[in-house]
N, C-alpha and C. Protein backbone atom coordinates (compact mmCIF):
# COMPACT_ATOMS: atom_id res chain seq x y z
N MET A 1 9.24 23.85 -39.05
CA MET A 1 7.74 23.58 -38.73
C MET A 1 7.81 21.94 -38.21
N LYS A 2 8.78 21.22 -38.91
CA LYS A 2 8.82 19.90 -38.66
C LYS A 2 9.33 19.72 -37.30
N LYS A 3 10.23 20.62 -36.97
CA LYS A 3 10.90 20.19 -35.34
C LYS A 3 10.03 20.64 -34.48
N SER A 4 9.22 21.71 -34.77
CA SER A 4 8.27 21.89 -33.59
C SER A 4 7.27 20.86 -33.51
N ILE A 5 6.53 20.35 -34.33
CA ILE A 5 5.66 19.26 -34.32
C ILE A 5 6.32 18.08 -33.72
N LEU A 6 7.72 18.14 -33.92
CA LEU A 6 8.18 16.98 -33.23
C LEU A 6 8.33 17.06 -31.84
N LEU A 7 8.71 18.06 -31.37
CA LEU A 7 8.85 18.62 -30.07
C LEU A 7 7.61 18.50 -29.42
N LEU A 8 6.60 18.96 -30.03
CA LEU A 8 5.29 18.90 -29.52
C LEU A 8 4.82 17.38 -29.10
N CYS A 9 5.18 16.67 -29.93
CA CYS A 9 4.56 15.22 -30.10
C CYS A 9 5.47 14.59 -28.86
N LEU A 10 6.63 14.77 -28.90
CA LEU A 10 7.75 14.34 -27.61
C LEU A 10 7.05 14.88 -25.95
N PHE A 11 6.78 16.34 -26.40
CA PHE A 11 6.34 16.70 -25.04
C PHE A 11 4.83 16.08 -24.36
N CYS A 12 4.13 15.91 -25.61
CA CYS A 12 2.78 15.16 -25.18
C CYS A 12 2.99 13.71 -24.85
N PHE A 13 4.00 13.17 -25.60
CA PHE A 13 4.24 11.68 -24.93
C PHE A 13 4.90 11.64 -23.69
N ALA A 14 5.67 12.46 -23.41
CA ALA A 14 6.22 12.43 -21.99
C ALA A 14 5.25 12.77 -20.81
N ILE A 15 4.33 13.61 -21.41
CA ILE A 15 3.24 14.22 -20.13
C ILE A 15 2.49 12.96 -19.92
N SER A 16 1.82 12.27 -21.28
CA SER A 16 0.98 11.36 -20.87
C SER A 16 1.58 10.00 -20.38
N PHE A 17 2.73 9.72 -20.53
CA PHE A 17 3.69 8.65 -19.96
C PHE A 17 3.85 8.74 -18.31
N SER A 18 3.95 10.06 -17.97
CA SER A 18 4.13 10.48 -16.62
C SER A 18 2.72 10.14 -15.80
N PHE A 19 1.75 10.70 -16.63
CA PHE A 19 0.27 10.53 -15.72
C PHE A 19 -0.03 9.07 -15.86
N ALA A 20 0.39 8.19 -16.55
CA ALA A 20 0.06 6.84 -16.58
C ALA A 20 0.71 6.01 -15.69
N GLN A 21 2.09 6.58 -15.17
CA GLN A 21 2.79 5.83 -14.31
C GLN A 21 2.08 6.17 -12.97
N ASN A 22 1.52 7.62 -12.62
CA ASN A 22 1.20 7.91 -11.42
C ASN A 22 -0.42 7.41 -11.27
N LYS A 23 -0.95 7.08 -12.14
CA LYS A 23 -2.36 6.46 -11.85
C LYS A 23 -2.38 5.04 -11.46
N ASN A 24 -1.24 4.35 -11.85
CA ASN A 24 -1.07 2.85 -11.42
C ASN A 24 -0.51 2.69 -9.71
N THR A 25 0.14 3.54 -9.32
CA THR A 25 0.67 3.58 -8.07
C THR A 25 -0.11 3.87 -7.07
N THR A 26 -0.80 3.05 -6.37
CA THR A 26 -1.43 3.11 -5.18
C THR A 26 -0.56 2.77 -3.97
N ILE A 27 0.05 3.19 -2.93
CA ILE A 27 0.86 2.99 -2.06
C ILE A 27 -0.12 2.57 -1.02
N GLU A 28 0.16 1.14 -0.56
CA GLU A 28 -0.58 0.79 0.56
C GLU A 28 0.64 0.95 1.82
N PRO A 29 0.24 1.43 2.99
CA PRO A 29 1.01 1.94 4.19
C PRO A 29 1.36 0.67 4.83
N GLU A 30 2.89 0.87 5.30
CA GLU A 30 3.56 -0.32 5.90
C GLU A 30 3.21 -0.31 7.35
N ILE A 31 3.19 -1.72 8.04
CA ILE A 31 3.09 -1.63 9.30
C ILE A 31 4.10 -1.51 9.91
N GLU A 32 4.18 -0.75 11.38
CA GLU A 32 5.23 -0.88 11.94
C GLU A 32 5.08 -1.44 13.25
N MET A 33 5.91 -2.24 13.96
CA MET A 33 5.76 -2.97 15.08
C MET A 33 6.90 -2.36 16.07
N LYS A 34 6.23 -2.20 17.37
CA LYS A 34 7.06 -1.57 18.46
C LYS A 34 6.90 -2.73 19.43
N ALA A 35 7.89 -3.21 19.92
CA ALA A 35 7.79 -3.88 21.37
C ALA A 35 8.01 -3.40 22.56
N GLY A 36 7.29 -3.30 23.51
CA GLY A 36 7.37 -2.65 24.61
C GLY A 36 7.21 -3.68 26.07
N LEU A 37 7.15 -3.26 27.07
CA LEU A 37 7.12 -3.70 28.37
C LEU A 37 5.78 -4.43 28.30
N LEU A 38 4.84 -4.14 28.02
CA LEU A 38 3.52 -4.62 28.26
C LEU A 38 2.97 -5.25 26.91
N GLY A 39 4.05 -5.55 25.79
CA GLY A 39 3.45 -6.47 24.72
C GLY A 39 3.77 -5.64 23.60
N TYR A 40 3.22 -6.13 22.40
CA TYR A 40 3.64 -5.61 21.20
C TYR A 40 2.55 -4.64 20.65
N ARG A 41 2.94 -3.61 20.00
CA ARG A 41 1.89 -2.49 19.51
C ARG A 41 2.19 -2.31 17.91
N PHE A 42 1.30 -2.41 17.17
CA PHE A 42 1.22 -2.09 15.76
C PHE A 42 0.53 -1.03 15.51
N PHE A 43 0.94 -0.28 14.18
CA PHE A 43 0.77 0.82 13.73
C PHE A 43 0.55 0.66 12.18
N LYS A 44 -0.40 1.26 11.59
CA LYS A 44 -0.72 1.29 10.36
C LYS A 44 -0.84 2.83 9.81
N ASP A 45 -0.19 3.46 9.11
CA ASP A 45 -0.53 4.95 8.80
C ASP A 45 -0.80 5.49 9.93
N GLY A 46 -0.33 5.53 11.03
CA GLY A 46 -0.40 6.18 12.21
C GLY A 46 -1.38 5.88 13.21
N GLU A 47 -2.14 4.93 13.04
CA GLU A 47 -3.19 4.21 13.50
C GLU A 47 -3.07 2.91 14.20
N ARG A 48 -3.30 2.84 15.59
CA ARG A 48 -2.94 1.64 16.26
C ARG A 48 -3.74 0.64 15.85
N LEU A 49 -2.97 -0.64 15.62
CA LEU A 49 -4.12 -1.73 15.21
C LEU A 49 -3.97 -2.77 16.47
N ASN A 50 -5.08 -3.35 16.79
CA ASN A 50 -4.86 -4.36 17.89
C ASN A 50 -4.75 -5.81 17.05
N TRP A 51 -4.88 -7.08 17.50
CA TRP A 51 -4.43 -8.27 16.85
C TRP A 51 -5.28 -8.44 15.66
N LYS A 52 -6.80 -8.46 16.21
CA LYS A 52 -7.78 -8.92 15.12
C LYS A 52 -7.62 -7.86 13.79
N GLU A 53 -7.32 -6.60 14.00
CA GLU A 53 -7.11 -5.70 12.86
C GLU A 53 -5.66 -6.13 12.27
N LEU A 54 -4.73 -6.31 12.95
CA LEU A 54 -3.41 -6.66 12.18
C LEU A 54 -3.69 -8.08 11.32
N MET A 55 -4.36 -8.97 11.96
CA MET A 55 -4.65 -10.11 11.29
C MET A 55 -5.71 -9.83 9.68
N GLU A 56 -6.56 -8.99 10.00
CA GLU A 56 -7.19 -8.79 8.85
C GLU A 56 -6.48 -7.67 7.83
N ALA A 57 -5.38 -7.12 8.39
CA ALA A 57 -4.60 -6.11 7.43
C ALA A 57 -3.57 -6.94 6.69
N THR A 58 -3.17 -8.15 7.40
CA THR A 58 -2.24 -8.85 6.69
C THR A 58 -2.77 -10.16 6.01
N ALA A 59 -4.02 -10.15 5.62
CA ALA A 59 -4.52 -11.24 5.11
C ALA A 59 -4.24 -11.49 3.74
N SER A 60 -3.89 -10.42 3.21
CA SER A 60 -3.65 -10.29 1.69
C SER A 60 -2.23 -10.97 1.58
N VAL A 61 -1.51 -11.18 2.52
CA VAL A 61 -0.10 -11.86 2.47
C VAL A 61 -0.07 -13.19 3.01
N GLU A 62 -0.22 -14.21 2.61
CA GLU A 62 -0.42 -15.55 3.22
C GLU A 62 0.71 -15.89 4.41
N GLU A 63 1.89 -15.54 3.70
CA GLU A 63 2.99 -16.01 4.52
C GLU A 63 3.15 -15.31 5.76
N ALA A 64 2.99 -13.84 5.59
CA ALA A 64 2.83 -13.13 6.61
C ALA A 64 1.86 -13.46 7.90
N ASN A 65 0.49 -13.57 7.12
CA ASN A 65 -0.45 -13.88 8.16
C ASN A 65 0.06 -15.10 9.01
N LEU A 66 0.52 -16.16 8.20
CA LEU A 66 0.68 -17.19 9.11
C LEU A 66 1.76 -17.42 9.93
N LEU A 67 3.04 -16.58 9.85
CA LEU A 67 4.05 -16.05 10.76
C LEU A 67 3.43 -15.34 12.10
N ILE A 68 2.71 -14.57 11.66
CA ILE A 68 1.90 -13.73 12.71
C ILE A 68 1.00 -14.35 13.67
N LYS A 69 0.36 -15.56 12.92
CA LYS A 69 -0.52 -16.20 13.81
C LYS A 69 0.13 -17.00 14.66
N ARG A 70 1.45 -17.72 14.16
CA ARG A 70 2.38 -18.60 15.01
C ARG A 70 2.87 -17.80 15.94
N GLY A 71 3.32 -16.53 15.60
CA GLY A 71 3.85 -15.75 17.07
C GLY A 71 2.91 -15.17 17.99
N ARG A 72 1.75 -15.10 17.70
CA ARG A 72 0.80 -14.71 18.52
C ARG A 72 0.14 -15.89 19.31
N SER A 73 0.01 -17.11 19.04
CA SER A 73 -0.17 -18.32 19.72
C SER A 73 1.25 -18.58 20.73
N GLN A 74 2.52 -18.27 20.10
CA GLN A 74 3.86 -18.74 21.00
C GLN A 74 3.82 -17.61 22.09
N ASN A 75 3.11 -16.45 21.81
CA ASN A 75 3.28 -15.36 22.82
C ASN A 75 2.14 -15.55 23.97
N THR A 76 1.10 -16.25 23.37
CA THR A 76 0.18 -16.68 24.28
C THR A 76 0.66 -17.53 25.35
N PHE A 77 1.34 -18.96 24.82
CA PHE A 77 1.82 -19.85 25.57
C PHE A 77 2.85 -19.23 26.60
N SER A 78 3.82 -18.11 25.87
CA SER A 78 4.81 -17.94 26.72
C SER A 78 4.04 -17.13 28.01
N SER A 79 3.09 -16.40 28.18
CA SER A 79 2.50 -15.59 29.07
C SER A 79 1.99 -16.55 29.91
N ILE A 80 1.33 -17.62 29.58
CA ILE A 80 0.83 -18.80 30.55
C ILE A 80 1.93 -19.32 31.35
N PHE A 81 3.05 -19.97 30.52
CA PHE A 81 4.24 -20.50 31.20
C PHE A 81 4.95 -19.62 32.09
N ALA A 82 5.06 -18.22 31.92
CA ALA A 82 5.78 -17.29 32.69
C ALA A 82 4.94 -17.12 34.19
N PHE A 83 3.59 -16.91 33.69
CA PHE A 83 2.73 -16.80 35.00
C PHE A 83 2.75 -17.79 36.03
N THR A 84 2.61 -19.23 35.24
CA THR A 84 2.81 -20.38 36.19
C THR A 84 4.11 -20.52 36.71
N GLY A 85 5.07 -20.08 35.85
CA GLY A 85 6.35 -20.43 36.41
C GLY A 85 6.71 -19.42 37.56
N GLY A 86 6.23 -18.35 37.52
CA GLY A 86 6.36 -17.08 38.66
C GLY A 86 5.64 -17.70 39.91
N VAL A 87 4.21 -18.12 39.69
CA VAL A 87 3.70 -18.67 40.59
C VAL A 87 4.21 -19.61 41.37
N PHE A 88 4.83 -20.82 40.86
CA PHE A 88 5.51 -21.91 41.35
C PHE A 88 6.90 -21.50 41.77
N ILE A 89 7.52 -20.30 41.37
CA ILE A 89 8.88 -19.67 42.20
C ILE A 89 8.68 -19.22 43.40
N GLY A 90 7.17 -18.64 43.57
CA GLY A 90 6.91 -17.76 44.43
C GLY A 90 6.42 -18.55 45.69
N ILE A 91 5.88 -19.86 45.57
CA ILE A 91 5.16 -20.38 46.36
C ILE A 91 6.16 -20.95 47.56
N PRO A 92 7.56 -21.39 47.30
CA PRO A 92 8.36 -21.62 48.26
C PRO A 92 8.92 -20.43 48.95
N PHE A 93 8.98 -19.25 48.40
CA PHE A 93 9.46 -18.14 49.18
C PHE A 93 8.57 -17.69 50.19
N GLY A 94 7.06 -17.72 49.75
CA GLY A 94 6.02 -17.43 50.54
C GLY A 94 5.93 -18.34 51.91
N GLN A 95 6.33 -19.64 51.69
CA GLN A 95 6.33 -20.54 52.68
C GLN A 95 7.54 -20.43 53.59
N LYS A 96 8.67 -19.97 52.92
CA LYS A 96 9.77 -19.78 53.84
C LYS A 96 9.56 -18.33 54.71
N SER A 97 8.98 -17.44 54.01
CA SER A 97 8.83 -16.54 54.86
C SER A 97 7.70 -16.30 55.92
N ALA A 98 6.72 -17.56 55.74
CA ALA A 98 5.73 -17.78 56.86
C ALA A 98 6.16 -18.88 57.83
N ASP A 99 7.59 -18.79 57.99
CA ASP A 99 8.08 -19.85 58.60
C ASP A 99 7.89 -21.16 58.52
N ARG A 100 7.52 -21.66 57.27
CA ARG A 100 7.04 -23.20 56.98
C ARG A 100 8.21 -23.71 56.14
N ASP A 101 8.28 -25.29 56.11
CA ASP A 101 8.97 -25.89 55.40
C ASP A 101 8.90 -25.48 53.90
N PRO A 102 9.72 -24.90 53.18
CA PRO A 102 9.44 -24.83 51.93
C PRO A 102 9.47 -26.01 50.85
N THR A 103 8.90 -25.94 49.75
CA THR A 103 8.93 -26.91 48.96
C THR A 103 9.64 -26.63 47.59
N TRP A 104 11.00 -26.77 47.81
CA TRP A 104 11.81 -26.22 46.50
C TRP A 104 11.63 -26.95 45.32
N GLU A 105 11.00 -28.16 45.03
CA GLU A 105 10.93 -28.64 43.99
C GLU A 105 9.89 -27.74 43.06
N LEU A 106 8.80 -27.34 43.62
CA LEU A 106 8.07 -26.39 42.94
C LEU A 106 8.98 -25.23 42.11
N ALA A 107 10.07 -24.65 42.94
CA ALA A 107 10.65 -23.54 42.54
C ALA A 107 11.49 -24.00 41.31
N TYR A 108 11.87 -25.26 41.17
CA TYR A 108 12.57 -25.84 40.35
C TYR A 108 11.71 -25.94 38.90
N VAL A 109 10.65 -26.53 39.31
CA VAL A 109 9.46 -26.46 38.14
C VAL A 109 9.32 -25.24 37.64
N GLY A 110 9.00 -24.21 38.48
CA GLY A 110 8.58 -22.99 38.03
C GLY A 110 9.84 -22.35 37.33
N GLY A 111 11.33 -22.61 37.52
CA GLY A 111 12.40 -22.11 36.80
C GLY A 111 12.35 -22.74 35.65
N ALA A 112 12.06 -24.05 35.30
CA ALA A 112 12.01 -24.61 34.14
C ALA A 112 10.84 -24.02 33.23
N LEU A 113 9.79 -23.82 33.83
CA LEU A 113 8.50 -23.31 32.95
C LEU A 113 8.96 -21.55 32.74
N ALA A 114 9.79 -20.93 33.37
CA ALA A 114 10.09 -19.70 33.12
C ALA A 114 11.14 -19.68 32.06
N LEU A 115 11.83 -20.80 31.96
CA LEU A 115 13.10 -20.74 30.80
C LEU A 115 12.42 -20.99 29.55
N ALA A 116 11.29 -21.90 29.62
CA ALA A 116 10.54 -22.19 28.49
C ALA A 116 9.99 -21.09 28.11
N ALA A 117 9.25 -20.11 28.81
CA ALA A 117 8.63 -19.08 28.56
C ALA A 117 9.26 -18.02 27.95
N PHE A 118 10.77 -17.85 28.46
CA PHE A 118 11.66 -17.13 27.86
C PHE A 118 11.81 -17.52 26.37
N TYR A 119 11.87 -18.61 26.13
CA TYR A 119 12.13 -19.22 24.69
C TYR A 119 11.15 -18.89 23.94
N LEU A 120 10.06 -19.17 24.36
CA LEU A 120 8.67 -18.95 23.51
C LEU A 120 8.55 -17.60 23.00
N SER A 121 8.99 -16.73 24.21
CA SER A 121 8.93 -15.32 24.00
C SER A 121 9.69 -14.81 22.98
N PHE A 122 10.99 -15.43 22.94
CA PHE A 122 11.89 -15.06 22.00
C PHE A 122 11.46 -15.41 20.61
N LYS A 123 10.66 -16.70 20.41
CA LYS A 123 10.36 -17.52 18.94
C LYS A 123 9.05 -16.23 18.74
N ALA A 124 8.24 -15.89 19.42
CA ALA A 124 7.06 -15.10 19.02
C ALA A 124 7.49 -13.82 18.39
N PHE A 125 8.53 -13.32 19.44
CA PHE A 125 9.06 -11.95 18.80
C PHE A 125 9.78 -12.26 17.39
N ASN A 126 10.38 -13.31 17.16
CA ASN A 126 10.89 -13.27 15.53
C ASN A 126 10.10 -13.63 14.68
N ASN A 127 9.04 -14.41 15.04
CA ASN A 127 7.87 -14.62 13.97
C ASN A 127 7.06 -13.83 13.73
N ILE A 128 6.79 -12.83 14.96
CA ILE A 128 5.97 -11.52 14.37
C ILE A 128 6.60 -10.54 13.59
N ASN A 129 8.03 -10.27 14.26
CA ASN A 129 8.60 -9.56 13.27
C ASN A 129 8.97 -9.97 12.02
N LYS A 130 9.32 -11.20 11.57
CA LYS A 130 9.34 -11.62 10.25
C LYS A 130 8.04 -11.69 9.71
N GLY A 131 7.02 -11.94 10.38
CA GLY A 131 5.69 -11.66 9.52
C GLY A 131 5.23 -9.93 9.07
N VAL A 132 5.68 -9.25 10.14
CA VAL A 132 5.43 -7.74 9.65
C VAL A 132 6.44 -7.32 8.53
N ASP A 133 7.67 -7.95 8.52
CA ASP A 133 8.57 -7.48 7.53
C ASP A 133 8.17 -8.04 6.43
N SER A 134 7.84 -9.38 6.06
CA SER A 134 7.40 -10.05 4.89
C SER A 134 6.00 -9.43 4.64
N TYR A 135 5.32 -8.84 5.30
CA TYR A 135 4.04 -8.27 4.70
C TYR A 135 4.44 -6.68 4.02
N ASN A 136 5.45 -6.09 4.86
CA ASN A 136 5.94 -4.67 4.13
C ASN A 136 6.60 -5.02 3.01
N VAL A 137 7.49 -5.92 2.81
CA VAL A 137 8.11 -6.32 1.46
C VAL A 137 7.35 -6.50 0.54
N ALA A 138 6.15 -7.57 0.55
CA ALA A 138 5.27 -7.84 0.08
C ALA A 138 4.30 -6.40 -0.50
N VAL A 139 3.98 -5.94 0.10
CA VAL A 139 3.35 -4.81 -0.32
C VAL A 139 4.16 -3.50 -1.00
N ALA A 140 5.44 -3.49 -0.68
CA ALA A 140 6.14 -2.50 -1.31
C ALA A 140 6.40 -3.09 -2.99
N LYS A 141 6.58 -4.29 -2.80
CA LYS A 141 6.68 -5.05 -4.10
C LYS A 141 5.62 -4.50 -5.18
N GLN A 142 4.34 -4.62 -4.61
CA GLN A 142 3.17 -4.58 -5.41
C GLN A 142 2.75 -3.14 -5.78
N SER A 143 3.11 -2.17 -4.82
CA SER A 143 2.77 -0.95 -5.21
C SER A 143 3.78 0.04 -5.61
N SER A 144 5.20 -0.54 -5.77
CA SER A 144 5.97 0.59 -6.22
C SER A 144 6.53 0.42 -7.43
N TYR A 145 5.76 -0.04 -8.40
CA TYR A 145 6.26 -0.40 -9.78
C TYR A 145 7.02 1.06 -10.26
N ARG A 146 8.01 0.96 -10.58
CA ARG A 146 8.60 2.16 -11.10
C ARG A 146 9.34 1.90 -12.76
N PHE A 147 8.96 2.73 -13.48
CA PHE A 147 9.42 2.52 -14.83
C PHE A 147 11.04 3.10 -14.74
N GLU A 148 11.84 2.42 -15.05
CA GLU A 148 13.19 2.76 -15.17
C GLU A 148 13.66 2.57 -16.56
N PRO A 149 13.60 3.32 -17.31
CA PRO A 149 14.28 3.02 -18.85
C PRO A 149 15.72 3.13 -18.92
N GLU A 150 16.38 2.56 -19.79
CA GLU A 150 17.83 2.72 -19.83
C GLU A 150 18.09 3.13 -21.30
N PHE A 151 18.66 4.14 -21.42
CA PHE A 151 18.90 4.95 -22.81
C PHE A 151 20.19 4.45 -23.15
N PHE A 152 20.53 4.19 -24.58
CA PHE A 152 21.65 3.84 -25.14
C PHE A 152 21.84 4.63 -26.44
N ILE A 153 23.03 4.72 -26.69
CA ILE A 153 23.74 5.47 -27.87
C ILE A 153 24.04 4.07 -28.91
N VAL A 154 23.25 3.76 -29.97
CA VAL A 154 23.52 2.80 -30.68
C VAL A 154 24.37 3.25 -32.03
N ASN A 155 25.29 2.37 -32.49
CA ASN A 155 26.24 2.66 -33.60
C ASN A 155 26.06 1.38 -34.35
N ASN A 156 25.25 1.31 -35.48
CA ASN A 156 25.20 0.25 -36.41
C ASN A 156 25.48 0.57 -37.97
N GLN A 157 25.32 -0.23 -38.54
CA GLN A 157 25.46 -0.02 -40.31
C GLN A 157 24.65 1.04 -40.81
N SER A 158 23.59 1.24 -40.12
CA SER A 158 22.68 2.38 -40.51
C SER A 158 22.98 3.70 -40.03
N GLY A 159 23.93 3.90 -38.87
CA GLY A 159 24.28 5.10 -38.66
C GLY A 159 24.15 5.22 -36.98
N PHE A 160 24.09 6.26 -36.34
CA PHE A 160 23.79 6.22 -34.91
C PHE A 160 22.32 6.49 -34.62
N GLY A 161 22.16 5.90 -33.36
CA GLY A 161 20.84 6.00 -32.96
C GLY A 161 20.84 6.24 -31.17
N LEU A 162 19.55 6.21 -30.83
CA LEU A 162 19.20 6.22 -29.49
C LEU A 162 18.07 5.28 -29.30
N ALA A 163 18.67 4.29 -28.41
CA ALA A 163 17.83 3.01 -28.02
C ALA A 163 17.09 3.12 -26.51
N MET A 164 16.23 2.85 -26.39
CA MET A 164 15.57 2.83 -25.09
C MET A 164 15.11 1.34 -24.71
N ARG A 165 15.81 0.73 -23.50
CA ARG A 165 15.30 -0.48 -22.77
C ARG A 165 14.22 0.00 -21.57
N PHE A 166 13.20 -1.00 -21.76
CA PHE A 166 12.40 -0.87 -20.32
C PHE A 166 11.74 -1.93 -20.16
């Protein structure tokens, strides 16, 4: 009789313990970033996010939000520099094709702007990627509490026993 009551109590304890663990784990979906030819695409739980929705989604993790903001501004400047550099490189070639005297200094300035755009684009990609990764790590830490007890067999002066560390 004592053994059956003890087994029933242990069974009820195990069941209640497992329900308590499942109640507290709300899983926040991660953000996935894809870099394509036409820019960045962000997905959260299968739905595409624009820049505004991305900023709202990462507002809870300040470090990630700041990195994404910095990357977005760098991406904007990179686009402006790339366009301007392309125009400055293209003007002398247009002049040459129209049998005019080309102004090659514009091409040099355009090349420098294109290099600056390439550097800013690389920095923007790194900052945005770091921001998305830090958000995903922070969300995973908050939502994935796992109870992992360790069991030990203890031998002391009183005898043998089972110890649990959590």
